[in-house]
Structures are given as C-alpha cells and as structure tokens.
C-alpha cells in the first residue's frame, strides 16, 4: 500500500481544520454580552468575554492549532523535498 500526496494533504488538512474549528467554536461560545443581572448572554455581535481559566483554555487550543499547522507544513515540505530529490536521481 502506498500513501499518495493527495491522501497526505487530506489527512493533514483535516487535522488543521479540526484545530481551527475548535478555536472558532470556543470564540463563538464566549462572545456575547453581560446583562443587567451580571449573566453572560451569547451574542455574535458582542465582545469576547473570558475568565482566567477560559483564557488558559483558549491559549491551549491556539497552541494545538499552531502545532497542527506547523506539523502539516513541515511534513508536506519534507515530502516535497524527498520527491524532488528522487526526481533528480532518476
């Protein structure tokens, strides 16, 4: 069985998309306003409202997003370089 560059791109792209979706969902879930009673009300036109633990969770999610993107980029570059090297040797 061989792995094609298209399959590699698909799997790595899926990992990046999953990380992007996690950050986007988190941001959407924490965007809103505080009503007169001091209760958070989700509102897509509101502001990002985070507690200290929310901020740490967002940092964690963004770190995972960064790792997924960097891993994908470096893996694809390594595969491309290996293909180019093999092509030169033919």
N, C-alpha and C. Protein backbone atom coordinates (compact mmCIF):
# COMPACT_ATOMS: atom_id res chain seq x y z
N UNK A 1 0.84 -1.18 0.00
CA UNK A 1 0.00 0.00 0.00
C UNK A 1 0.89 1.24 0.00
N UNK A 2 0.52 2.21 -0.79
CA UNK A 2 1.29 3.45 -0.84
C UNK A 2 0.40 4.62 -0.44
N UNK A 3 1.04 5.60 0.10
CA UNK A 3 0.34 6.82 0.52
C UNK A 3 0.61 7.89 -0.52
N UNK A 4 -0.44 8.45 -1.06
CA UNK A 4 -0.26 9.50 -2.06
C UNK A 4 -0.17 10.85 -1.38
N UNK A 5 0.38 11.81 -2.11
CA UNK A 5 0.48 13.16 -1.55
C UNK A 5 -0.91 13.75 -1.34
N UNK A 6 -1.86 13.36 -2.18
CA UNK A 6 -3.24 13.83 -2.00
C UNK A 6 -3.84 13.33 -0.70
N UNK A 7 -3.58 12.05 -0.39
CA UNK A 7 -4.08 11.50 0.87
C UNK A 7 -3.41 12.17 2.06
N UNK A 8 -2.12 12.40 1.94
CA UNK A 8 -1.37 13.07 2.99
C UNK A 8 -1.93 14.47 3.23
N UNK A 9 -2.16 15.18 2.15
CA UNK A 9 -2.73 16.52 2.24
C UNK A 9 -4.10 16.48 2.90
N UNK A 10 -4.90 15.49 2.53
CA UNK A 10 -6.24 15.36 3.11
C UNK A 10 -6.18 15.14 4.61
N UNK A 11 -5.33 14.23 5.05
CA UNK A 11 -5.25 13.92 6.48
C UNK A 11 -4.67 15.07 7.29
N UNK A 12 -3.63 15.69 6.76
CA UNK A 12 -3.04 16.83 7.47
C UNK A 12 -4.00 18.01 7.47
N UNK A 13 -4.66 18.22 6.33
CA UNK A 13 -5.65 19.30 6.25
C UNK A 13 -6.79 19.09 7.22
N UNK A 14 -7.19 17.84 7.43
CA UNK A 14 -8.25 17.53 8.38
C UNK A 14 -7.83 17.88 9.81
N UNK A 15 -6.58 17.60 10.14
CA UNK A 15 -6.08 17.93 11.48
C UNK A 15 -6.07 19.44 11.70
N UNK A 16 -5.63 20.18 10.70
CA UNK A 16 -5.60 21.64 10.81
C UNK A 16 -7.03 22.18 10.91
N UNK A 17 -7.93 21.64 10.08
CA UNK A 17 -9.32 22.11 10.10
C UNK A 17 -9.97 21.83 11.45
N UNK A 18 -9.68 20.66 12.03
CA UNK A 18 -10.23 20.32 13.34
C UNK A 18 -9.76 21.31 14.40
N UNK A 19 -8.48 21.66 14.36
CA UNK A 19 -7.93 22.63 15.32
C UNK A 19 -8.53 24.01 15.09
N UNK A 20 -8.67 24.40 13.82
CA UNK A 20 -9.29 25.69 13.50
C UNK A 20 -10.73 25.74 14.01
N UNK A 21 -11.46 24.65 13.78
CA UNK A 21 -12.86 24.59 14.22
C UNK A 21 -12.99 24.69 15.74
N UNK A 22 -12.05 24.06 16.46
CA UNK A 22 -12.10 24.11 17.92
C UNK A 22 -11.92 25.55 18.42
N UNK A 23 -10.98 26.28 17.82
CA UNK A 23 -10.77 27.68 18.21
C UNK A 23 -11.99 28.52 17.84
N UNK A 24 -12.50 28.32 16.65
CA UNK A 24 -13.67 29.10 16.20
C UNK A 24 -14.88 28.85 17.09
N UNK A 25 -15.13 27.61 17.43
CA UNK A 25 -16.26 27.27 18.30
C UNK A 25 -16.08 27.90 19.68
N UNK A 26 -14.88 27.82 20.21
CA UNK A 26 -14.60 28.42 21.52
C UNK A 26 -14.89 29.92 21.48
N UNK A 27 -14.40 30.59 20.45
CA UNK A 27 -14.61 32.04 20.34
C UNK A 27 -16.10 32.37 20.21
N UNK A 28 -16.81 31.60 19.42
CA UNK A 28 -18.26 31.83 19.27
C UNK A 28 -18.99 31.62 20.60
N UNK A 29 -18.58 30.57 21.33
CA UNK A 29 -19.23 30.26 22.60
C UNK A 29 -18.97 31.30 23.68
N UNK A 30 -17.91 32.07 23.53
CA UNK A 30 -17.54 33.05 24.56
C UNK A 30 -17.72 34.49 24.10
N UNK A 31 -18.45 34.67 23.01
CA UNK A 31 -18.73 36.01 22.51
C UNK A 31 -20.16 36.37 22.90
N UNK A 32 -20.31 37.52 23.54
CA UNK A 32 -21.64 37.93 23.96
C UNK A 32 -21.60 39.21 24.77
N UNK A 33 -22.58 39.33 25.62
CA UNK A 33 -22.70 40.50 26.50
C UNK A 33 -23.04 40.02 27.90
N UNK A 34 -22.94 40.92 28.84
CA UNK A 34 -23.35 40.65 30.22
C UNK A 34 -24.61 41.48 30.46
N UNK A 35 -25.70 40.80 30.85
CA UNK A 35 -26.95 41.55 31.07
C UNK A 35 -26.93 42.27 32.41
N UNK A 36 -28.00 42.98 32.73
CA UNK A 36 -28.08 43.78 33.95
C UNK A 36 -27.93 42.94 35.21
N UNK A 37 -28.26 41.66 35.12
CA UNK A 37 -28.12 40.76 36.27
C UNK A 37 -26.72 40.17 36.39
N UNK A 38 -25.84 40.53 35.47
CA UNK A 38 -24.48 40.02 35.50
C UNK A 38 -24.33 38.64 34.87
N UNK A 39 -25.32 38.23 34.08
CA UNK A 39 -25.31 36.92 33.45
C UNK A 39 -24.84 37.05 32.00
N UNK A 40 -23.97 36.13 31.59
CA UNK A 40 -23.49 36.11 30.22
C UNK A 40 -24.63 35.74 29.27
N UNK A 41 -24.75 36.51 28.19
CA UNK A 41 -25.76 36.25 27.17
C UNK A 41 -25.03 36.12 25.83
N UNK A 42 -25.08 34.93 25.21
CA UNK A 42 -24.42 34.78 23.90
C UNK A 42 -24.97 35.78 22.89
N UNK A 43 -24.07 36.42 22.14
CA UNK A 43 -24.46 37.40 21.14
C UNK A 43 -23.31 37.51 20.14
N UNK A 44 -23.54 37.08 18.90
CA UNK A 44 -22.45 37.10 17.92
C UNK A 44 -21.91 38.50 17.63
N UNK A 45 -22.64 39.54 17.98
CA UNK A 45 -22.15 40.90 17.77
C UNK A 45 -21.54 41.48 19.05
N UNK A 46 -21.48 40.66 20.11
CA UNK A 46 -20.93 41.10 21.39
C UNK A 46 -19.41 41.06 21.38
N UNK A 47 -18.85 41.04 22.57
CA UNK A 47 -17.40 41.00 22.72
C UNK A 47 -16.98 39.66 23.28
N UNK A 48 -15.71 39.37 23.18
CA UNK A 48 -15.15 38.14 23.73
C UNK A 48 -15.03 38.31 25.24
N UNK A 49 -15.69 37.44 25.98
CA UNK A 49 -15.68 37.53 27.44
C UNK A 49 -15.07 36.24 27.99
N UNK A 50 -13.93 36.39 28.68
CA UNK A 50 -13.20 35.22 29.17
C UNK A 50 -12.85 35.35 30.64
N UNK A 51 -12.99 34.23 31.34
CA UNK A 51 -12.46 34.15 32.70
C UNK A 51 -10.98 33.78 32.57
N UNK A 52 -10.29 33.72 33.68
CA UNK A 52 -8.88 33.33 33.64
C UNK A 52 -8.73 31.92 33.09
N UNK A 53 -9.58 31.00 33.53
CA UNK A 53 -9.48 29.62 33.03
C UNK A 53 -9.87 29.54 31.56
N UNK A 54 -10.83 30.37 31.14
CA UNK A 54 -11.19 30.42 29.72
C UNK A 54 -10.00 30.89 28.88
N UNK A 55 -9.29 31.89 29.39
CA UNK A 55 -8.13 32.41 28.68
C UNK A 55 -7.06 31.33 28.53
N UNK A 56 -6.84 30.55 29.58
CA UNK A 56 -5.87 29.46 29.51
C UNK A 56 -6.31 28.39 28.52
N UNK A 57 -7.61 28.09 28.51
CA UNK A 57 -8.13 27.10 27.57
C UNK A 57 -7.95 27.60 26.14
N UNK A 58 -8.22 28.87 25.89
CA UNK A 58 -8.04 29.43 24.56
C UNK A 58 -6.57 29.36 24.14
N UNK A 59 -5.67 29.67 25.06
CA UNK A 59 -4.24 29.57 24.76
C UNK A 59 -3.87 28.14 24.38
N UNK A 60 -4.43 27.18 25.10
CA UNK A 60 -4.17 25.77 24.82
C UNK A 60 -4.68 25.40 23.42
N UNK A 61 -5.90 25.80 23.10
CA UNK A 61 -6.47 25.50 21.79
C UNK A 61 -5.66 26.15 20.67
N UNK A 62 -5.22 27.37 20.89
CA UNK A 62 -4.43 28.06 19.87
C UNK A 62 -3.05 27.42 19.73
N UNK A 63 -2.51 26.89 20.83
CA UNK A 63 -1.25 26.16 20.76
C UNK A 63 -1.41 24.90 19.93
N UNK A 64 -2.50 24.17 20.13
CA UNK A 64 -2.78 22.97 19.34
C UNK A 64 -2.95 23.33 17.86
N UNK A 65 -3.61 24.45 17.62
CA UNK A 65 -3.82 24.93 16.24
C UNK A 65 -2.47 25.22 15.59
N UNK A 66 -1.59 25.87 16.31
CA UNK A 66 -0.26 26.21 15.81
C UNK A 66 0.55 24.95 15.52
N UNK A 67 0.51 24.00 16.44
CA UNK A 67 1.25 22.74 16.25
C UNK A 67 0.73 22.00 15.03
N UNK A 68 -0.59 21.93 14.87
CA UNK A 68 -1.17 21.24 13.71
C UNK A 68 -0.71 21.89 12.41
N UNK A 69 -0.74 23.22 12.37
CA UNK A 69 -0.34 23.92 11.14
C UNK A 69 1.15 23.74 10.86
N UNK A 70 1.99 23.87 11.88
CA UNK A 70 3.43 23.73 11.67
C UNK A 70 3.80 22.30 11.29
N UNK A 71 3.16 21.32 11.93
CA UNK A 71 3.44 19.93 11.61
C UNK A 71 3.04 19.62 10.18
N UNK A 72 1.88 20.10 9.78
CA UNK A 72 1.41 19.87 8.41
C UNK A 72 2.36 20.51 7.41
N UNK A 73 2.74 21.75 7.67
CA UNK A 73 3.62 22.46 6.74
C UNK A 73 4.97 21.77 6.62
N UNK A 74 5.57 21.40 7.75
CA UNK A 74 6.90 20.77 7.70
C UNK A 74 6.83 19.38 7.08
N UNK A 75 5.76 18.64 7.34
CA UNK A 75 5.62 17.31 6.75
C UNK A 75 5.47 17.40 5.24
N UNK A 76 4.61 18.29 4.78
CA UNK A 76 4.41 18.44 3.34
C UNK A 76 5.70 18.91 2.67
N UNK A 77 6.43 19.83 3.31
CA UNK A 77 7.70 20.29 2.75
C UNK A 77 8.70 19.15 2.68
N UNK A 78 8.76 18.31 3.69
CA UNK A 78 9.69 17.18 3.69
C UNK A 78 9.36 16.20 2.58
N UNK A 79 8.08 15.92 2.40
CA UNK A 79 7.66 15.02 1.32
C UNK A 79 8.00 15.61 -0.03
N UNK A 80 7.73 16.90 -0.21
CA UNK A 80 8.05 17.58 -1.47
C UNK A 80 9.54 17.51 -1.74
N UNK A 81 10.36 17.78 -0.73
CA UNK A 81 11.81 17.73 -0.90
C UNK A 81 12.28 16.32 -1.26
N UNK A 82 11.68 15.31 -0.64
CA UNK A 82 12.05 13.93 -0.94
C UNK A 82 11.68 13.56 -2.38
N UNK A 83 10.52 14.03 -2.83
CA UNK A 83 10.09 13.75 -4.20
C UNK A 83 11.03 14.45 -5.19
N UNK A 84 11.37 15.69 -4.90
CA UNK A 84 12.27 16.44 -5.79
C UNK A 84 13.64 15.78 -5.84
N UNK A 85 14.12 15.32 -4.71
CA UNK A 85 15.42 14.65 -4.67
C UNK A 85 15.38 13.34 -5.47
N UNK A 86 14.30 12.61 -5.31
CA UNK A 86 14.16 11.35 -6.07
C UNK A 86 14.08 11.62 -7.56
N UNK A 87 13.36 12.67 -7.93
CA UNK A 87 13.24 13.01 -9.36
C UNK A 87 14.59 13.38 -9.95
N UNK A 88 15.43 14.07 -9.20
CA UNK A 88 16.76 14.44 -9.70
C UNK A 88 17.63 13.21 -9.91
N UNK A 89 17.40 12.17 -9.11
CA UNK A 89 18.23 10.95 -9.18
C UNK A 89 17.79 10.00 -10.28
N UNK A 90 16.70 10.32 -10.92
CA UNK A 90 16.20 9.41 -11.98
C UNK A 90 16.92 9.69 -13.27
